Amino acid sequence: NAGINAIRTFTMPPPKWIYYIYKTYGIRIMINDMMGRYGMTVRGRWVFPTDYSDPEVRAALKEQAIGVIEKYKNVPGVLFFFFGNESNYGLEWKSTEIENLPVGERHAAKARFLYSMWEEVMKESKTRAPHIPTGIVNGDIQYIDLIKELCPSLDVLGANVYRGVSATDLWERVKKILDKPFVFTEF
């Protein structure tokens, strides 16, 4: 009744529900692994904020994402694999290496770790499930230049965009800089 044809999930519904929703209503599901956006458990210890430069954290996130890909790769009705949820807005962890940078450069340096990790996961997704497009859920199009540089495996850019009644220059910038399909994941 809502007139929709796709849903993005934050939780991981059972594969049989995804198939049922697709078969019964024609609605496809965008599987969205948060990739530690709001914290995560690493070796039995809660970690927040998520430090995307930490090798142990990166390994745990990749293992988790691969598990999601494996679980859903053959489920009819899966439309995309998305990773993150405005993770570019949560780059608040500290490290000696980054804290030595000027304040204005710190988040951009942290973003490089985030987007390079996403690239590793998307590349793995293409190997394990080449028939399912992969992407990220970014906060607006912040760091679009880094996305272009560090995420060559990206098929579609998803973004949570809260600009009011107009997308302003979003379409032009995505086309000019990234030249990839774009989808509003929240607006």
N, C-alpha and C. Protein backbone atom coordinates (compact mmCIF):
# COMPACT_ATOMS: atom_id res chain seq x y z
N ASN A 1 0.81 -1.20 0.00
CA ASN A 1 0.00 0.00 0.00
C ASN A 1 0.85 1.27 0.00
N ALA A 2 2.09 1.15 0.43
CA ALA A 2 2.96 2.33 0.49
C ALA A 2 3.54 2.68 -0.88
N GLY A 3 3.43 1.79 -1.84
CA GLY A 3 3.94 2.07 -3.17
C GLY A 3 5.45 1.99 -3.27
N ILE A 4 6.06 1.20 -2.41
CA ILE A 4 7.52 1.08 -2.41
C ILE A 4 7.97 -0.18 -3.14
N ASN A 5 9.22 -0.19 -3.56
CA ASN A 5 9.77 -1.39 -4.18
C ASN A 5 11.10 -1.81 -3.57
N ALA A 6 11.57 -1.07 -2.56
CA ALA A 6 12.83 -1.42 -1.90
C ALA A 6 12.84 -0.89 -0.47
N ILE A 7 13.51 -1.63 0.41
CA ILE A 7 13.65 -1.27 1.81
C ILE A 7 15.11 -1.46 2.21
N ARG A 8 15.63 -0.50 2.96
CA ARG A 8 16.98 -0.65 3.53
C ARG A 8 16.83 -1.10 4.97
N THR A 9 17.54 -2.16 5.34
CA THR A 9 17.43 -2.69 6.69
C THR A 9 18.64 -2.31 7.52
N PHE A 10 18.42 -2.04 8.81
CA PHE A 10 19.51 -1.85 9.76
C PHE A 10 19.79 -3.14 10.50
N THR A 11 18.80 -3.97 10.63
CA THR A 11 18.97 -5.28 11.26
C THR A 11 19.02 -6.31 10.15
N MET A 12 19.40 -7.50 10.50
CA MET A 12 19.53 -8.54 9.48
C MET A 12 18.36 -9.51 9.58
N PRO A 13 17.31 -9.28 8.78
CA PRO A 13 16.16 -10.18 8.83
C PRO A 13 16.55 -11.57 8.31
N PRO A 14 15.85 -12.60 8.76
CA PRO A 14 16.14 -13.94 8.25
C PRO A 14 15.99 -13.99 6.73
N PRO A 15 16.87 -14.72 6.06
CA PRO A 15 16.77 -14.82 4.59
C PRO A 15 15.38 -15.24 4.10
N LYS A 16 14.71 -16.11 4.85
CA LYS A 16 13.39 -16.57 4.39
C LYS A 16 12.38 -15.41 4.38
N TRP A 17 12.54 -14.42 5.27
CA TRP A 17 11.64 -13.27 5.26
C TRP A 17 11.91 -12.40 4.05
N ILE A 18 13.17 -12.24 3.72
CA ILE A 18 13.52 -11.44 2.53
C ILE A 18 12.92 -12.08 1.29
N TYR A 19 13.08 -13.38 1.17
CA TYR A 19 12.51 -14.09 0.03
C TYR A 19 10.99 -13.96 0.01
N TYR A 20 10.35 -14.11 1.15
CA TYR A 20 8.89 -14.01 1.24
C TYR A 20 8.42 -12.62 0.82
N ILE A 21 9.04 -11.58 1.34
CA ILE A 21 8.65 -10.21 1.01
C ILE A 21 8.83 -9.95 -0.49
N TYR A 22 9.91 -10.46 -1.05
CA TYR A 22 10.17 -10.29 -2.47
C TYR A 22 9.15 -11.06 -3.32
N LYS A 23 8.96 -12.33 -2.96
CA LYS A 23 8.04 -13.19 -3.73
C LYS A 23 6.60 -12.69 -3.62
N THR A 24 6.19 -12.28 -2.43
CA THR A 24 4.81 -11.90 -2.18
C THR A 24 4.49 -10.48 -2.65
N TYR A 25 5.41 -9.53 -2.42
CA TYR A 25 5.11 -8.12 -2.69
C TYR A 25 6.02 -7.48 -3.73
N GLY A 26 7.05 -8.19 -4.18
CA GLY A 26 7.97 -7.62 -5.16
C GLY A 26 8.90 -6.57 -4.58
N ILE A 27 9.04 -6.55 -3.26
CA ILE A 27 9.90 -5.57 -2.60
C ILE A 27 11.28 -6.17 -2.38
N ARG A 28 12.29 -5.47 -2.85
CA ARG A 28 13.69 -5.90 -2.67
C ARG A 28 14.26 -5.28 -1.40
N ILE A 29 15.26 -5.93 -0.85
CA ILE A 29 15.86 -5.50 0.41
C ILE A 29 17.31 -5.09 0.17
N MET A 30 17.67 -3.91 0.73
CA MET A 30 19.05 -3.46 0.73
C MET A 30 19.63 -3.84 2.09
N ILE A 31 20.52 -4.81 2.11
CA ILE A 31 21.15 -5.27 3.34
C ILE A 31 22.20 -4.23 3.74
N ASN A 32 22.12 -3.73 4.96
CA ASN A 32 23.01 -2.66 5.39
C ASN A 32 23.72 -3.04 6.69
N ASP A 33 24.99 -3.42 6.56
CA ASP A 33 25.83 -3.72 7.73
C ASP A 33 26.37 -2.38 8.24
N MET A 34 26.11 -2.07 9.49
CA MET A 34 26.52 -0.77 10.05
C MET A 34 28.04 -0.62 10.16
N MET A 35 28.77 -1.69 10.13
CA MET A 35 30.24 -1.65 10.15
C MET A 35 30.79 -0.83 11.33
N GLY A 36 30.26 -1.08 12.50
CA GLY A 36 30.80 -0.45 13.70
C GLY A 36 30.43 1.00 13.90
N ARG A 37 29.49 1.51 13.15
CA ARG A 37 29.17 2.94 13.24
C ARG A 37 28.83 3.38 14.66
N TYR A 38 28.11 2.57 15.38
CA TYR A 38 27.68 2.95 16.72
C TYR A 38 28.38 2.12 17.79
N GLY A 39 29.56 1.62 17.46
CA GLY A 39 30.33 0.79 18.36
C GLY A 39 30.26 -0.67 17.96
N MET A 40 31.11 -1.47 18.61
CA MET A 40 31.16 -2.90 18.29
C MET A 40 31.91 -3.64 19.38
N THR A 41 31.77 -4.94 19.37
CA THR A 41 32.49 -5.77 20.32
C THR A 41 33.68 -6.39 19.60
N VAL A 42 34.86 -6.23 20.18
CA VAL A 42 36.08 -6.82 19.64
C VAL A 42 36.73 -7.63 20.76
N ARG A 43 36.85 -8.93 20.53
CA ARG A 43 37.43 -9.84 21.54
C ARG A 43 36.75 -9.68 22.90
N GLY A 44 35.43 -9.62 22.88
CA GLY A 44 34.67 -9.55 24.12
C GLY A 44 34.65 -8.19 24.79
N ARG A 45 35.19 -7.17 24.13
CA ARG A 45 35.27 -5.82 24.71
C ARG A 45 34.52 -4.83 23.82
N TRP A 46 33.62 -4.04 24.45
CA TRP A 46 32.88 -3.03 23.70
C TRP A 46 33.81 -1.89 23.32
N VAL A 47 33.79 -1.50 22.06
CA VAL A 47 34.64 -0.44 21.53
C VAL A 47 33.76 0.66 20.95
N PHE A 48 33.90 1.87 21.49
CA PHE A 48 33.23 3.03 20.93
C PHE A 48 34.00 4.27 21.36
N PRO A 49 34.29 5.18 20.48
CA PRO A 49 34.00 5.13 19.06
C PRO A 49 34.88 4.11 18.34
N THR A 50 34.45 3.73 17.16
CA THR A 50 35.16 2.73 16.37
C THR A 50 36.38 3.37 15.72
N ASP A 51 37.54 2.78 15.99
CA ASP A 51 38.81 3.25 15.43
C ASP A 51 39.11 2.42 14.18
N TYR A 52 38.82 2.98 13.03
CA TYR A 52 38.98 2.28 11.76
C TYR A 52 40.44 2.09 11.37
N SER A 53 41.36 2.66 12.13
CA SER A 53 42.79 2.45 11.84
C SER A 53 43.34 1.26 12.60
N ASP A 54 42.63 0.78 13.60
CA ASP A 54 43.09 -0.32 14.44
C ASP A 54 42.99 -1.64 13.67
N PRO A 55 44.11 -2.33 13.45
CA PRO A 55 44.08 -3.58 12.68
C PRO A 55 43.13 -4.63 13.25
N GLU A 56 43.03 -4.70 14.56
CA GLU A 56 42.14 -5.67 15.19
C GLU A 56 40.66 -5.32 14.91
N VAL A 57 40.34 -4.06 14.98
CA VAL A 57 38.99 -3.60 14.69
C VAL A 57 38.66 -3.85 13.22
N ARG A 58 39.58 -3.50 12.34
CA ARG A 58 39.36 -3.71 10.91
C ARG A 58 39.12 -5.18 10.60
N ALA A 59 39.91 -6.06 11.21
CA ALA A 59 39.74 -7.50 10.97
C ALA A 59 38.37 -7.97 11.45
N ALA A 60 37.95 -7.48 12.63
CA ALA A 60 36.64 -7.87 13.15
C ALA A 60 35.51 -7.36 12.25
N LEU A 61 35.62 -6.13 11.78
CA LEU A 61 34.60 -5.57 10.90
C LEU A 61 34.54 -6.32 9.58
N LYS A 62 35.68 -6.64 9.02
CA LYS A 62 35.70 -7.38 7.75
C LYS A 62 35.11 -8.78 7.93
N GLU A 63 35.46 -9.43 9.03
CA GLU A 63 34.90 -10.76 9.30
C GLU A 63 33.38 -10.69 9.41
N GLN A 64 32.90 -9.69 10.13
CA GLN A 64 31.46 -9.50 10.27
C GLN A 64 30.80 -9.27 8.92
N ALA A 65 31.37 -8.38 8.11
CA ALA A 65 30.80 -8.06 6.79
C ALA A 65 30.80 -9.28 5.88
N ILE A 66 31.87 -10.05 5.90
CA ILE A 66 31.93 -11.25 5.07
C ILE A 66 30.85 -12.24 5.50
N GLY A 67 30.60 -12.33 6.80
CA GLY A 67 29.52 -13.18 7.29
C GLY A 67 28.17 -12.75 6.75
N VAL A 68 27.94 -11.44 6.70
CA VAL A 68 26.69 -10.91 6.15
C VAL A 68 26.59 -11.24 4.66
N ILE A 69 27.66 -11.01 3.93
CA ILE A 69 27.67 -11.29 2.49
C ILE A 69 27.37 -12.77 2.25
N GLU A 70 28.05 -13.64 2.97
CA GLU A 70 27.84 -15.08 2.80
C GLU A 70 26.40 -15.49 3.14
N LYS A 71 25.84 -14.89 4.17
CA LYS A 71 24.49 -15.24 4.60
C LYS A 71 23.43 -14.87 3.56
N TYR A 72 23.64 -13.74 2.86
CA TYR A 72 22.60 -13.22 1.98
C TYR A 72 22.91 -13.30 0.49
N LYS A 73 24.06 -13.78 0.11
CA LYS A 73 24.47 -13.69 -1.29
C LYS A 73 23.59 -14.48 -2.26
N ASN A 74 22.92 -15.50 -1.79
CA ASN A 74 22.07 -16.31 -2.68
C ASN A 74 20.58 -16.16 -2.37
N VAL A 75 20.22 -15.10 -1.67
CA VAL A 75 18.82 -14.90 -1.29
C VAL A 75 18.12 -14.06 -2.36
N PRO A 76 17.12 -14.62 -3.03
CA PRO A 76 16.36 -13.81 -3.99
C PRO A 76 15.71 -12.63 -3.27
N GLY A 77 15.81 -11.46 -3.88
CA GLY A 77 15.22 -10.26 -3.31
C GLY A 77 16.23 -9.30 -2.72
N VAL A 78 17.49 -9.74 -2.58
CA VAL A 78 18.52 -8.82 -2.09
C VAL A 78 18.91 -7.88 -3.23
N LEU A 79 18.78 -6.58 -3.01
CA LEU A 79 19.06 -5.59 -4.04
C LEU A 79 20.50 -5.08 -4.00
N PHE A 80 20.96 -4.67 -2.81
CA PHE A 80 22.32 -4.14 -2.62
C PHE A 80 22.88 -4.67 -1.32
N PHE A 81 24.21 -4.64 -1.23
CA PHE A 81 24.90 -4.71 0.05
C PHE A 81 25.42 -3.31 0.32
N PHE A 82 24.96 -2.70 1.40
CA PHE A 82 25.45 -1.40 1.82
C PHE A 82 26.25 -1.56 3.10
N PHE A 83 27.25 -0.69 3.27
CA PHE A 83 28.10 -0.72 4.45
C PHE A 83 28.14 0.67 5.09
N GLY A 84 28.05 0.69 6.43
CA GLY A 84 28.11 1.94 7.18
C GLY A 84 26.77 2.64 7.27
N ASN A 85 26.75 3.71 8.01
CA ASN A 85 25.60 4.59 8.12
C ASN A 85 26.09 5.93 8.66
N GLU A 86 26.40 6.81 7.75
CA GLU A 86 26.96 8.11 8.13
C GLU A 86 28.22 7.94 8.99
N SER A 87 28.98 6.91 8.71
CA SER A 87 30.19 6.64 9.49
C SER A 87 31.19 7.78 9.39
N ASN A 88 31.13 8.54 8.31
CA ASN A 88 32.01 9.70 8.17
C ASN A 88 31.70 10.78 9.21
N TYR A 89 30.53 10.71 9.86
CA TYR A 89 30.20 11.66 10.92
C TYR A 89 30.66 11.17 12.29
N GLY A 90 31.18 9.95 12.36
CA GLY A 90 31.57 9.38 13.65
C GLY A 90 33.07 9.15 13.80
N LEU A 91 33.86 9.96 13.17
CA LEU A 91 35.32 9.78 13.19
C LEU A 91 35.93 10.47 14.41
N GLU A 92 35.55 10.03 15.57
CA GLU A 92 35.94 10.71 16.81
C GLU A 92 37.03 10.00 17.61
N TRP A 93 37.52 8.87 17.15
CA TRP A 93 38.57 8.14 17.87
C TRP A 93 39.88 8.91 17.81
N LYS A 94 40.78 8.57 18.71
CA LYS A 94 42.07 9.27 18.80
C LYS A 94 43.22 8.29 18.59
N SER A 95 44.27 8.79 17.99
CA SER A 95 45.51 8.03 17.87
C SER A 95 46.67 9.02 17.86
N THR A 96 47.81 8.58 18.32
CA THR A 96 48.97 9.46 18.39
C THR A 96 49.31 10.02 17.02
N GLU A 97 49.29 9.16 16.02
CA GLU A 97 49.64 9.56 14.66
C GLU A 97 48.73 10.69 14.16
N ILE A 98 47.44 10.55 14.38
CA ILE A 98 46.48 11.53 13.86
C ILE A 98 46.41 12.78 14.73
N GLU A 99 46.57 12.64 16.01
CA GLU A 99 46.49 13.81 16.90
C GLU A 99 47.64 14.78 16.65
N ASN A 100 48.69 14.33 16.00
CA ASN A 100 49.81 15.23 15.66
C ASN A 100 49.51 16.11 14.46
N LEU A 101 48.43 15.80 13.73
CA LEU A 101 48.06 16.61 12.56
C LEU A 101 47.35 17.88 13.01
N PRO A 102 47.35 18.91 12.16
CA PRO A 102 46.55 20.10 12.47
C PRO A 102 45.08 19.71 12.61
N VAL A 103 44.34 20.39 13.45
CA VAL A 103 42.95 20.05 13.76
C VAL A 103 42.12 19.85 12.49
N GLY A 104 42.25 20.73 11.53
CA GLY A 104 41.46 20.65 10.30
C GLY A 104 41.73 19.44 9.43
N GLU A 105 42.84 18.77 9.65
CA GLU A 105 43.20 17.61 8.83
C GLU A 105 42.90 16.28 9.51
N ARG A 106 42.53 16.29 10.77
CA ARG A 106 42.37 15.05 11.52
C ARG A 106 41.27 14.15 10.99
N HIS A 107 40.08 14.72 10.77
CA HIS A 107 38.98 13.89 10.30
C HIS A 107 39.24 13.35 8.90
N ALA A 108 39.85 14.14 8.04
CA ALA A 108 40.16 13.66 6.69
C ALA A 108 41.15 12.49 6.75
N ALA A 109 42.11 12.55 7.65
CA ALA A 109 43.06 11.45 7.81
C ALA A 109 42.34 10.21 8.32
N LYS A 110 41.42 10.39 9.26
CA LYS A 110 40.65 9.26 9.78
C LYS A 110 39.74 8.69 8.69
N ALA A 111 39.18 9.56 7.86
CA ALA A 111 38.30 9.12 6.77
C ALA A 111 39.03 8.19 5.81
N ARG A 112 40.31 8.42 5.59
CA ARG A 112 41.08 7.54 4.70
C ARG A 112 41.05 6.09 5.21
N PHE A 113 41.15 5.92 6.53
CA PHE A 113 41.07 4.58 7.09
C PHE A 113 39.68 3.98 6.88
N LEU A 114 38.66 4.77 7.09
CA LEU A 114 37.29 4.31 6.93
C LEU A 114 37.03 3.86 5.49
N TYR A 115 37.31 4.72 4.52
CA TYR A 115 37.00 4.41 3.13
C TYR A 115 37.89 3.29 2.57
N SER A 116 39.12 3.21 3.03
CA SER A 116 39.97 2.10 2.56
C SER A 116 39.46 0.77 3.11
N MET A 117 38.91 0.77 4.33
CA MET A 117 38.34 -0.45 4.88
C MET A 117 37.09 -0.84 4.09
N TRP A 118 36.26 0.14 3.80
CA TRP A 118 35.07 -0.15 3.00
C TRP A 118 35.46 -0.72 1.64
N GLU A 119 36.51 -0.20 1.04
CA GLU A 119 36.96 -0.73 -0.25
C GLU A 119 37.34 -2.20 -0.11
N GLU A 120 38.06 -2.55 0.95
CA GLU A 120 38.43 -3.95 1.15
C GLU A 120 37.19 -4.84 1.24
N VAL A 121 36.17 -4.37 1.94
CA VAL A 121 34.94 -5.15 2.10
C VAL A 121 34.18 -5.22 0.77
N MET A 122 34.07 -4.11 0.06
CA MET A 122 33.35 -4.13 -1.23
C MET A 122 34.06 -5.01 -2.24
N LYS A 123 35.36 -4.97 -2.24
CA LYS A 123 36.14 -5.83 -3.15
C LYS A 123 35.88 -7.30 -2.83
N GLU A 124 35.84 -7.63 -1.56
CA GLU A 124 35.54 -9.01 -1.14
C GLU A 124 34.11 -9.38 -1.53
N SER A 125 33.20 -8.45 -1.41
CA SER A 125 31.81 -8.70 -1.79
C SER A 125 31.72 -9.02 -3.28
N LYS A 126 32.46 -8.31 -4.09
CA LYS A 126 32.45 -8.57 -5.54
C LYS A 126 32.99 -9.96 -5.87
N THR A 127 33.91 -10.45 -5.05
CA THR A 127 34.44 -11.80 -5.26
C THR A 127 33.41 -12.85 -4.85
N ARG A 128 32.76 -12.63 -3.72
CA ARG A 128 31.83 -13.62 -3.17
C ARG A 128 30.42 -13.52 -3.74
N ALA A 129 30.00 -12.34 -4.15
CA ALA A 129 28.63 -12.13 -4.65
C ALA A 129 28.65 -11.10 -5.78
N PRO A 130 29.29 -11.44 -6.91
CA PRO A 130 29.45 -10.45 -7.98
C PRO A 130 28.12 -9.98 -8.60
N HIS A 131 27.06 -10.72 -8.37
CA HIS A 131 25.75 -10.38 -8.93
C HIS A 131 24.98 -9.35 -8.09
N ILE A 132 25.50 -9.01 -6.91
CA ILE A 132 24.81 -8.04 -6.04
C ILE A 132 25.66 -6.77 -5.95
N PRO A 133 25.12 -5.64 -6.38
CA PRO A 133 25.88 -4.38 -6.30
C PRO A 133 26.20 -4.02 -4.84
N THR A 134 27.32 -3.34 -4.64
CA THR A 134 27.72 -2.94 -3.29
C THR A 134 27.93 -1.44 -3.24
N GLY A 135 27.73 -0.91 -2.04
CA GLY A 135 27.91 0.52 -1.87
C GLY A 135 28.08 0.87 -0.40
N ILE A 136 28.14 2.15 -0.16
CA ILE A 136 28.26 2.66 1.20
C ILE A 136 27.10 3.60 1.47
N VAL A 137 26.82 3.80 2.76
CA VAL A 137 25.83 4.79 3.17
C VAL A 137 26.63 5.90 3.86
N ASN A 138 26.81 6.97 3.13
CA ASN A 138 27.62 8.10 3.60
C ASN A 138 26.73 9.16 4.21
N GLY A 139 27.29 10.00 5.01
CA GLY A 139 26.60 11.20 5.48
C GLY A 139 26.75 12.25 4.40
N ASP A 140 25.65 12.51 3.68
CA ASP A 140 25.64 13.42 2.53
C ASP A 140 26.76 12.98 1.57
N ILE A 141 27.43 13.90 0.93
CA ILE A 141 28.52 13.51 0.02
C ILE A 141 29.87 14.04 0.52
N GLN A 142 29.95 14.19 1.84
CA GLN A 142 31.23 14.58 2.44
C GLN A 142 32.29 13.56 2.03
N TYR A 143 33.47 14.03 1.76
CA TYR A 143 34.63 13.20 1.36
C TYR A 143 34.41 12.50 0.02
N ILE A 144 33.61 13.07 -0.86
CA ILE A 144 33.37 12.43 -2.15
C ILE A 144 34.67 12.22 -2.94
N ASP A 145 35.63 13.13 -2.78
CA ASP A 145 36.92 12.96 -3.45
C ASP A 145 37.67 11.74 -2.92
N LEU A 146 37.59 11.52 -1.61
CA LEU A 146 38.22 10.32 -1.02
C LEU A 146 37.49 9.06 -1.46
N ILE A 147 36.19 9.13 -1.57
CA ILE A 147 35.42 7.97 -2.04
C ILE A 147 35.88 7.60 -3.44
N LYS A 148 36.01 8.59 -4.30
CA LYS A 148 36.48 8.33 -5.67
C LYS A 148 37.88 7.70 -5.66
N GLU A 149 38.74 8.24 -4.85
CA GLU A 149 40.12 7.76 -4.78
C GLU A 149 40.24 6.38 -4.16
N LEU A 150 39.53 6.15 -3.07
CA LEU A 150 39.77 4.95 -2.27
C LEU A 150 38.77 3.83 -2.46
N CYS A 151 37.69 4.06 -3.20
CA CYS A 151 36.63 3.05 -3.33
C CYS A 151 36.33 2.69 -4.78
N PRO A 152 37.29 2.18 -5.53
CA PRO A 152 37.02 1.83 -6.93
C PRO A 152 36.00 0.70 -7.09
N SER A 153 35.78 -0.11 -6.07
CA SER A 153 34.82 -1.21 -6.17
C SER A 153 33.38 -0.76 -5.91
N LEU A 154 33.17 0.49 -5.55
CA LEU A 154 31.84 1.02 -5.28
C LEU A 154 30.97 0.94 -6.53
N ASP A 155 29.78 0.35 -6.39
CA ASP A 155 28.83 0.31 -7.50
C ASP A 155 27.80 1.43 -7.39
N VAL A 156 27.41 1.75 -6.16
CA VAL A 156 26.37 2.76 -5.95
C VAL A 156 26.68 3.51 -4.66
N LEU A 157 26.53 4.82 -4.71
CA LEU A 157 26.71 5.64 -3.52
C LEU A 157 25.35 5.88 -2.90
N GLY A 158 25.21 5.46 -1.65
CA GLY A 158 24.02 5.79 -0.88
C GLY A 158 24.40 6.91 0.07
N ALA A 159 23.48 7.82 0.30
CA ALA A 159 23.77 8.91 1.24
C ALA A 159 22.51 9.34 1.97
N ASN A 160 22.69 9.62 3.24
CA ASN A 160 21.65 10.22 4.06
C ASN A 160 21.79 11.73 3.89
N VAL A 161 20.79 12.35 3.29
CA VAL A 161 20.89 13.74 2.87
C VAL A 161 19.75 14.54 3.49
N TYR A 162 20.11 15.55 4.27
CA TYR A 162 19.13 16.41 4.92
C TYR A 162 19.42 17.86 4.55
N ARG A 163 19.07 18.23 3.33
CA ARG A 163 19.35 19.58 2.83
C ARG A 163 18.10 20.43 2.73
N GLY A 164 16.99 19.94 3.17
CA GLY A 164 15.75 20.69 3.03
C GLY A 164 15.02 20.29 1.76
N VAL A 165 14.29 21.23 1.17
CA VAL A 165 13.42 20.91 0.03
C VAL A 165 14.18 20.67 -1.27
N SER A 166 15.46 20.94 -1.30
CA SER A 166 16.24 20.79 -2.53
C SER A 166 17.51 20.01 -2.25
N ALA A 167 17.94 19.25 -3.24
CA ALA A 167 19.22 18.54 -3.13
C ALA A 167 20.38 19.46 -3.49
N THR A 168 20.10 20.71 -3.79
CA THR A 168 21.08 21.73 -4.20
C THR A 168 22.02 21.14 -5.26
N ASP A 169 23.32 21.11 -5.02
CA ASP A 169 24.29 20.69 -6.04
C ASP A 169 24.64 19.20 -5.98
N LEU A 170 23.90 18.43 -5.23
CA LEU A 170 24.23 17.01 -5.04
C LEU A 170 24.38 16.26 -6.35
N TRP A 171 23.37 16.34 -7.21
CA TRP A 171 23.39 15.57 -8.46
C TRP A 171 24.59 15.93 -9.33
N GLU A 172 24.86 17.22 -9.46
CA GLU A 172 25.97 17.66 -10.30
C GLU A 172 27.31 17.19 -9.75
N ARG A 173 27.48 17.29 -8.43
CA ARG A 173 28.76 16.89 -7.83
C ARG A 173 28.97 15.38 -7.92
N VAL A 174 27.93 14.60 -7.68
CA VAL A 174 28.08 13.14 -7.79
C VAL A 174 28.42 12.77 -9.23
N LYS A 175 27.74 13.35 -10.19
CA LYS A 175 28.01 13.06 -11.60
C LYS A 175 29.42 13.50 -11.99
N LYS A 176 29.79 14.71 -11.61
CA LYS A 176 31.08 15.27 -12.02
C LYS A 176 32.26 14.56 -11.34
N ILE A 177 32.14 14.30 -10.05
CA ILE A 177 33.29 13.76 -9.30
C ILE A 177 33.31 12.24 -9.31
N LEU A 178 32.16 11.62 -9.06
CA LEU A 178 32.15 10.17 -8.87
C LEU A 178 31.67 9.41 -10.11
N ASP A 179 30.69 9.95 -10.80
CA ASP A 179 30.09 9.33 -11.98
C ASP A 179 29.64 7.89 -11.70
N LYS A 180 28.94 7.73 -10.58
CA LYS A 180 28.38 6.43 -10.19
C LYS A 180 26.91 6.65 -9.87
N PRO A 181 26.11 5.57 -9.93
CA PRO A 181 24.70 5.71 -9.52
C PRO A 181 24.62 6.18 -8.07
N PHE A 182 23.55 6.92 -7.77
CA PHE A 182 23.33 7.48 -6.45
C PHE A 182 21.92 7.12 -5.99
N VAL A 183 21.78 6.84 -4.69
CA VAL A 183 20.46 6.59 -4.11
C VAL A 183 20.38 7.30 -2.76
N PHE A 184 19.23 7.95 -2.53
CA PHE A 184 18.97 8.51 -1.20
C PHE A 184 18.69 7.34 -0.27
N THR A 185 19.46 7.21 0.79
CA THR A 185 19.20 6.16 1.78
C THR A 185 18.41 6.72 2.95
N GLU A 186 18.45 8.02 3.15
CA GLU A 186 17.58 8.77 4.05
C GLU A 186 17.51 10.18 3.48
N PHE A 187 16.38 10.82 3.67
CA PHE A 187 16.25 12.22 3.23
C PHE A 187 15.16 12.90 4.01
